[in-house]
Amino acid sequence: MGIKGFLKSGHTPTLFSAFLYFDVSFMIWVLLGPLSVVIMNDFQMNEAQKASLVSLPILGGAILRLILGWLADYIGPKKTAQLGMLVTVIPLVWGWLFANHLSELYIVALLLGVSGASFAAALPLASRWYPPQYQGLAMGIAGAGNSGTVFTTLFANRIAQYYGDWSIVFGFALIPLVITFIVFTLFAKDSPNQPDPKTFIDYKNVLKQRDTWLFCVFYSVTFGGFVGMSSYLTIFFFTQYGLDPVRAADFTTICVIAGSFFRPIGGWLADRFGGVRMLLCLYTIIGFMFAAISFLPSLDKVIILLFIVMMSLGMGNGSVFQLVPQRFKEEIGMITGIVGAAGGIGGYFLPKVLGNLKLVTGSFSSGFLVLSTVSFLCMLLLVVAQKQWKKSWMISERREQTLYNLNHMSKTRRFVE
């Protein structure tokens, strides 16, 4: 389980390429989150409309992830990722040069979901190179590309303020996208262990399985919580605490860093202690933190609470995807698309819950209480699911890992001798 073993077991250039592709895609996906508080100067929007603007890219990502998940199995993750980057150019150019009305901006927001669908290509691209005992770390490193959110929250509003124009930010986003496309094309490779393309019947069979829906629920809370909060926090700081757009985005950056950089740690800890144990602990922490935030404490206190929440959500993402490849080895591209789509749907509803309840009640408190309740319910659901998993696939998984370790030790002993 050491770093040397990890590096020898897979393909590092592909893992880096998957991370870079995911990083830039995530940066573009959440572009409207921090920019929304600048855009509202040109378009009059109520709380529900602001929530819709930042949640539409997440919805688009959820829908398109199913398509990219299928393509990842049919034409391979590398070609799927390249296609995704090419299509992402469309909303960026549209937002930069042609979006002059709120209705057009909604369309741009929905199309930005193409970059959010990158999960369905990036994660299988990395995962298929690594054996079971390194899945958590490999998926965590590739998934740490959600750190792209940091670049958006840190620079988007600054660029808009410097040029006096929010639309030019879309033009600047084309630069890292083109660079990433070139690097990805040169260094990424599909694993030789590619599964056969899946049919509609295969999808139907996977969707019939209870575990598919359980993982969808779990990921809709961890990833949905992370991406939803990443998109909405700038609005929250701007509205609740009266911060200017740049400062509000800066505080969002602090919180996003926690979720982004703790994701691989969550995967590593899940490899070490088990994904189920990690998730039980993390859902409990998330539930209590959201409950505390519902009291809307002072700015310094709420930042600490949000930092812990985002850290836990990020680690939860790594923990969920430590379990998914173990349960669905042959359907990893397909299940990544399905579970990833569920995560996107969770991220779509989170801003809607906070924005709409703020519009109805005049306060963010009720929205955070709803999020707290959902977290605790997930914890209880996982307790029930674990009892069944211990009787089924977790047993065979432990046997397979034990055999792999014994074979690896045997090969090492022969090499030494």
Foldseek 3Di string as FASTA:
>chain_A
DDPVVFPVQFAVLQLVLLLLLLLLLLLLLLLCQLCLLVCCVVPPDALLLSLLLRLLLLLLLLVCLLVLLLVCQAVNLLVSSLVLLVQLLVLLVCLQPPPDDSVSSSVSNNSSSSSSSNLLRSLLLQQVGHDLLCQLLSSLSSQLSNLSLLVSLQPQVVVCVVVVHNSCSSVVSVVSSVVSSVSSVPRGDHDPPRFHRDDPVNLVVLVVDPVLVLLLLLLLLLLLVQSLCSRHQLVVCCPVVVDPSSVSSVLSSLQNVLLSVLLSVLSVVCSVPNLLVLLLVLLLLLLVLLLVCLVVDDPVVNSVSSSSNSNSSSSNNSSSSSVVCLVPVNSVSNSSSNSSSSNSVSNSVLSSLQSVCCVVVVGSNVSSNVSSVSSVVSSVVSVVVVVVCVVPRVVVSVVVVVVVVVVVVVVVVVVVD
